[in-house]
Amino acid sequence: MTTSNHIERARQEGVLFGIPLGDLGWFQSLLMGVATGMAAFFLATFLAIVGMLVYMSVTGAHPDFALTYRRVGLPVGVVVMALALFFLGIQWSRRMMKKTRRT
């Protein structure tokens, strides 16, 4: 059962979907950032392909599906990966600063 105490602790420690972001090391942060970017790339590419299929069925045109990778999937994946790495990098550096202050 989730109590208000658990929610407050999760806010303080930095938990996202059950993943303790406060406990991630340097490599784990890098891995999570790249994985998030790849997931965004695949999701954006899938949605762009579906959109192209709908466009093809409505207009009868034959667009180039390579555009879904280059113009939609790649930019979305790169931006999301950069934002995720930036966020996780800040979280990691805050943890390192907090550790150095304690000792």
N, C-alpha and C. Protein backbone atom coordinates (compact mmCIF):
# COMPACT_ATOMS: atom_id res chain seq x y z
N MET A 1 0.84 -1.17 0.00
CA MET A 1 0.00 0.00 0.00
C MET A 1 0.89 1.24 0.00
N THR A 2 0.55 2.20 -0.83
CA THR A 2 1.32 3.43 -0.91
C THR A 2 0.77 4.45 0.07
N THR A 3 1.66 4.95 0.91
CA THR A 3 1.26 5.97 1.87
C THR A 3 1.89 7.29 1.48
N SER A 4 1.47 8.36 2.14
CA SER A 4 2.04 9.67 1.85
C SER A 4 3.51 9.70 2.23
N ASN A 5 3.92 8.89 3.20
CA ASN A 5 5.32 8.82 3.59
C ASN A 5 6.16 8.24 2.46
N HIS A 6 5.66 7.19 1.80
CA HIS A 6 6.38 6.61 0.67
C HIS A 6 6.51 7.59 -0.48
N ILE A 7 5.45 8.35 -0.74
CA ILE A 7 5.47 9.32 -1.83
C ILE A 7 6.47 10.43 -1.54
N GLU A 8 6.50 10.90 -0.30
CA GLU A 8 7.44 11.96 0.07
C GLU A 8 8.88 11.46 -0.01
N ARG A 9 9.13 10.23 0.42
CA ARG A 9 10.47 9.66 0.32
C ARG A 9 10.89 9.50 -1.13
N ALA A 10 9.94 9.09 -1.99
CA ALA A 10 10.25 8.94 -3.41
C ALA A 10 10.60 10.28 -4.04
N ARG A 11 9.93 11.34 -3.63
CA ARG A 11 10.26 12.67 -4.15
C ARG A 11 11.64 13.11 -3.71
N GLN A 12 11.98 12.83 -2.47
CA GLN A 12 13.28 13.24 -1.96
C GLN A 12 14.42 12.44 -2.58
N GLU A 13 14.21 11.15 -2.76
CA GLU A 13 15.27 10.29 -3.28
C GLU A 13 15.33 10.28 -4.80
N GLY A 14 14.29 10.72 -5.48
CA GLY A 14 14.29 10.75 -6.93
C GLY A 14 13.96 9.40 -7.53
N VAL A 15 12.71 8.96 -7.42
CA VAL A 15 12.26 7.69 -7.99
C VAL A 15 11.34 7.98 -9.16
N LEU A 16 11.60 7.36 -10.29
CA LEU A 16 10.78 7.54 -11.49
C LEU A 16 10.33 6.17 -11.97
N PHE A 17 9.02 5.90 -11.93
CA PHE A 17 8.45 4.61 -12.31
C PHE A 17 9.10 3.46 -11.56
N GLY A 18 9.42 3.69 -10.29
CA GLY A 18 10.01 2.65 -9.47
C GLY A 18 11.51 2.51 -9.62
N ILE A 19 12.12 3.30 -10.49
CA ILE A 19 13.57 3.26 -10.68
C ILE A 19 14.20 4.30 -9.77
N PRO A 20 15.06 3.90 -8.86
CA PRO A 20 15.67 4.87 -7.95
C PRO A 20 16.77 5.66 -8.66
N LEU A 21 16.42 6.84 -9.14
CA LEU A 21 17.40 7.65 -9.86
C LEU A 21 18.50 8.15 -8.95
N GLY A 22 18.23 8.20 -7.67
CA GLY A 22 19.23 8.65 -6.72
C GLY A 22 20.35 7.65 -6.52
N ASP A 23 20.19 6.43 -6.93
CA ASP A 23 21.21 5.39 -6.73
C ASP A 23 21.96 5.02 -8.00
N LEU A 24 21.70 5.69 -9.11
CA LEU A 24 22.36 5.33 -10.36
C LEU A 24 23.79 5.84 -10.37
N GLY A 25 24.70 4.99 -10.81
CA GLY A 25 26.08 5.40 -10.96
C GLY A 25 26.30 6.06 -12.32
N TRP A 26 27.57 6.37 -12.62
CA TRP A 26 27.90 7.05 -13.87
C TRP A 26 27.51 6.20 -15.08
N PHE A 27 27.91 4.95 -15.09
CA PHE A 27 27.62 4.09 -16.24
C PHE A 27 26.13 3.79 -16.35
N GLN A 28 25.46 3.59 -15.23
CA GLN A 28 24.02 3.33 -15.26
C GLN A 28 23.25 4.54 -15.78
N SER A 29 23.69 5.74 -15.42
CA SER A 29 23.07 6.96 -15.94
C SER A 29 23.26 7.06 -17.44
N LEU A 30 24.46 6.74 -17.90
CA LEU A 30 24.74 6.76 -19.33
C LEU A 30 23.88 5.75 -20.06
N LEU A 31 23.78 4.56 -19.51
CA LEU A 31 22.98 3.51 -20.13
C LEU A 31 21.50 3.88 -20.18
N MET A 32 20.98 4.44 -19.10
CA MET A 32 19.57 4.85 -19.07
C MET A 32 19.30 5.97 -20.05
N GLY A 33 20.21 6.92 -20.19
CA GLY A 33 20.03 8.02 -21.13
C GLY A 33 20.02 7.55 -22.56
N VAL A 34 20.92 6.65 -22.91
CA VAL A 34 20.97 6.11 -24.27
C VAL A 34 19.74 5.24 -24.54
N ALA A 35 19.34 4.45 -23.57
CA ALA A 35 18.15 3.61 -23.74
C ALA A 35 16.89 4.46 -23.94
N THR A 36 16.79 5.56 -23.22
CA THR A 36 15.65 6.46 -23.38
C THR A 36 15.65 7.07 -24.77
N GLY A 37 16.80 7.48 -25.25
CA GLY A 37 16.89 8.03 -26.61
C GLY A 37 16.52 7.01 -27.67
N MET A 38 16.96 5.77 -27.49
CA MET A 38 16.63 4.73 -28.46
C MET A 38 15.14 4.42 -28.45
N ALA A 39 14.54 4.38 -27.26
CA ALA A 39 13.10 4.13 -27.17
C ALA A 39 12.32 5.25 -27.84
N ALA A 40 12.76 6.48 -27.65
CA ALA A 40 12.09 7.61 -28.30
C ALA A 40 12.26 7.55 -29.81
N PHE A 41 13.44 7.14 -30.28
CA PHE A 41 13.67 6.99 -31.72
C PHE A 41 12.70 5.97 -32.32
N PHE A 42 12.61 4.81 -31.69
CA PHE A 42 11.75 3.76 -32.24
C PHE A 42 10.27 4.13 -32.17
N LEU A 43 9.85 4.77 -31.09
CA LEU A 43 8.46 5.18 -30.98
C LEU A 43 8.12 6.26 -32.00
N ALA A 44 8.99 7.26 -32.16
CA ALA A 44 8.74 8.33 -33.12
C ALA A 44 8.75 7.79 -34.55
N THR A 45 9.65 6.86 -34.85
CA THR A 45 9.70 6.28 -36.18
C THR A 45 8.44 5.46 -36.45
N PHE A 46 8.01 4.68 -35.48
CA PHE A 46 6.79 3.90 -35.64
C PHE A 46 5.58 4.80 -35.91
N LEU A 47 5.45 5.85 -35.12
CA LEU A 47 4.32 6.76 -35.32
C LEU A 47 4.40 7.48 -36.66
N ALA A 48 5.61 7.81 -37.10
CA ALA A 48 5.77 8.46 -38.41
C ALA A 48 5.41 7.49 -39.54
N ILE A 49 5.78 6.24 -39.41
CA ILE A 49 5.42 5.25 -40.44
C ILE A 49 3.92 5.06 -40.49
N VAL A 50 3.28 4.98 -39.33
CA VAL A 50 1.82 4.85 -39.31
C VAL A 50 1.18 6.09 -39.94
N GLY A 51 1.72 7.25 -39.62
CA GLY A 51 1.21 8.48 -40.23
C GLY A 51 1.38 8.49 -41.74
N MET A 52 2.52 8.01 -42.22
CA MET A 52 2.74 7.92 -43.67
C MET A 52 1.78 6.94 -44.32
N LEU A 53 1.50 5.84 -43.65
CA LEU A 53 0.55 4.87 -44.19
C LEU A 53 -0.85 5.47 -44.30
N VAL A 54 -1.25 6.22 -43.28
CA VAL A 54 -2.55 6.90 -43.35
C VAL A 54 -2.54 7.92 -44.48
N TYR A 55 -1.47 8.67 -44.60
CA TYR A 55 -1.34 9.65 -45.67
C TYR A 55 -1.43 8.98 -47.04
N MET A 56 -0.75 7.83 -47.18
CA MET A 56 -0.77 7.09 -48.45
C MET A 56 -2.18 6.61 -48.77
N SER A 57 -2.89 6.10 -47.78
CA SER A 57 -4.23 5.57 -48.03
C SER A 57 -5.22 6.68 -48.37
N VAL A 58 -5.02 7.87 -47.84
CA VAL A 58 -5.94 8.98 -48.11
C VAL A 58 -5.64 9.62 -49.46
N THR A 59 -4.38 9.88 -49.75
CA THR A 59 -4.02 10.63 -50.97
C THR A 59 -3.65 9.75 -52.15
N GLY A 60 -3.23 8.55 -51.91
CA GLY A 60 -2.79 7.68 -53.00
C GLY A 60 -1.36 7.95 -53.42
N ALA A 61 -0.66 8.83 -52.72
CA ALA A 61 0.74 9.14 -53.03
C ALA A 61 1.64 8.02 -52.55
N HIS A 62 2.86 8.02 -53.03
CA HIS A 62 3.85 7.02 -52.63
C HIS A 62 5.06 7.74 -52.05
N PRO A 63 5.00 8.11 -50.76
CA PRO A 63 6.12 8.83 -50.15
C PRO A 63 7.29 7.89 -49.85
N ASP A 64 8.44 8.49 -49.62
CA ASP A 64 9.65 7.75 -49.28
C ASP A 64 9.66 7.49 -47.77
N PHE A 65 9.64 6.22 -47.38
CA PHE A 65 9.60 5.88 -45.96
C PHE A 65 10.92 6.15 -45.26
N ALA A 66 11.98 6.39 -45.99
CA ALA A 66 13.26 6.74 -45.36
C ALA A 66 13.16 8.08 -44.65
N LEU A 67 12.21 8.90 -45.07
CA LEU A 67 12.02 10.20 -44.41
C LEU A 67 11.58 10.03 -42.96
N THR A 68 10.88 8.94 -42.67
CA THR A 68 10.43 8.72 -41.29
C THR A 68 11.62 8.54 -40.35
N TYR A 69 12.68 7.92 -40.83
CA TYR A 69 13.88 7.75 -40.01
C TYR A 69 14.68 9.04 -39.90
N ARG A 70 14.92 9.66 -41.05
CA ARG A 70 15.79 10.83 -41.10
C ARG A 70 15.16 12.09 -40.54
N ARG A 71 13.93 12.34 -40.87
CA ARG A 71 13.30 13.62 -40.52
C ARG A 71 12.49 13.56 -39.23
N VAL A 72 12.11 12.38 -38.78
CA VAL A 72 11.29 12.29 -37.56
C VAL A 72 12.03 11.51 -36.48
N GLY A 73 12.36 10.25 -36.73
CA GLY A 73 12.93 9.38 -35.70
C GLY A 73 14.27 9.84 -35.17
N LEU A 74 15.18 10.17 -36.05
CA LEU A 74 16.53 10.55 -35.63
C LEU A 74 16.54 11.84 -34.81
N PRO A 75 15.91 12.93 -35.28
CA PRO A 75 15.92 14.14 -34.45
C PRO A 75 15.24 13.96 -33.09
N VAL A 76 14.13 13.26 -33.07
CA VAL A 76 13.44 13.04 -31.79
C VAL A 76 14.32 12.21 -30.86
N GLY A 77 14.92 11.15 -31.37
CA GLY A 77 15.79 10.30 -30.55
C GLY A 77 17.00 11.04 -30.02
N VAL A 78 17.63 11.87 -30.84
CA VAL A 78 18.81 12.61 -30.42
C VAL A 78 18.44 13.65 -29.35
N VAL A 79 17.34 14.36 -29.56
CA VAL A 79 16.92 15.38 -28.58
C VAL A 79 16.55 14.73 -27.25
N VAL A 80 15.78 13.66 -27.29
CA VAL A 80 15.39 12.99 -26.04
C VAL A 80 16.61 12.41 -25.34
N MET A 81 17.54 11.83 -26.09
CA MET A 81 18.74 11.28 -25.48
C MET A 81 19.58 12.39 -24.85
N ALA A 82 19.71 13.52 -25.53
CA ALA A 82 20.48 14.63 -24.98
C ALA A 82 19.84 15.15 -23.69
N LEU A 83 18.53 15.30 -23.70
CA LEU A 83 17.83 15.77 -22.50
C LEU A 83 17.96 14.77 -21.35
N ALA A 84 17.83 13.49 -21.66
CA ALA A 84 17.95 12.47 -20.62
C ALA A 84 19.36 12.43 -20.05
N LEU A 85 20.37 12.50 -20.91
CA LEU A 85 21.75 12.50 -20.43
C LEU A 85 22.05 13.75 -19.61
N PHE A 86 21.50 14.89 -20.03
CA PHE A 86 21.69 16.13 -19.29
C PHE A 86 21.07 16.01 -17.90
N PHE A 87 19.83 15.54 -17.84
CA PHE A 87 19.13 15.40 -16.56
C PHE A 87 19.85 14.40 -15.66
N LEU A 88 20.17 13.23 -16.19
CA LEU A 88 20.82 12.22 -15.37
C LEU A 88 22.24 12.64 -14.97
N GLY A 89 22.90 13.38 -15.84
CA GLY A 89 24.23 13.89 -15.50
C GLY A 89 24.18 14.88 -14.36
N ILE A 90 23.16 15.74 -14.36
CA ILE A 90 22.99 16.68 -13.25
C ILE A 90 22.70 15.93 -11.96
N GLN A 91 21.83 14.91 -12.04
CA GLN A 91 21.52 14.12 -10.85
C GLN A 91 22.77 13.43 -10.30
N TRP A 92 23.58 12.89 -11.20
CA TRP A 92 24.80 12.19 -10.78
C TRP A 92 25.78 13.17 -10.15
N SER A 93 25.95 14.35 -10.76
CA SER A 93 26.89 15.33 -10.20
C SER A 93 26.42 15.85 -8.85
N ARG A 94 25.11 16.01 -8.66
CA ARG A 94 24.60 16.42 -7.35
C ARG A 94 24.91 15.36 -6.29
N ARG A 95 24.77 14.08 -6.67
CA ARG A 95 25.08 13.01 -5.72
C ARG A 95 26.56 13.03 -5.36
N MET A 96 27.42 13.27 -6.33
CA MET A 96 28.85 13.31 -6.06
C MET A 96 29.21 14.50 -5.18
N MET A 97 28.57 15.63 -5.42
CA MET A 97 28.83 16.82 -4.58
C MET A 97 28.36 16.57 -3.16
N LYS A 98 27.21 15.90 -3.02
CA LYS A 98 26.67 15.62 -1.69
C LYS A 98 27.59 14.64 -0.95
N LYS A 99 28.16 13.67 -1.69
CA LYS A 99 29.07 12.71 -1.06
C LYS A 99 30.34 13.39 -0.59
N THR A 100 30.86 14.32 -1.39
CA THR A 100 32.10 14.98 -1.01
C THR A 100 31.90 15.92 0.17
N ARG A 101 30.71 16.51 0.32
CA ARG A 101 30.41 17.37 1.46
C ARG A 101 30.29 16.58 2.74
N ARG A 102 29.79 15.35 2.64
CA ARG A 102 29.60 14.51 3.84
C ARG A 102 30.92 14.05 4.43
N THR A 103 31.90 13.79 3.58
CA THR A 103 33.18 13.24 4.09
C THR A 103 34.15 14.28 4.50
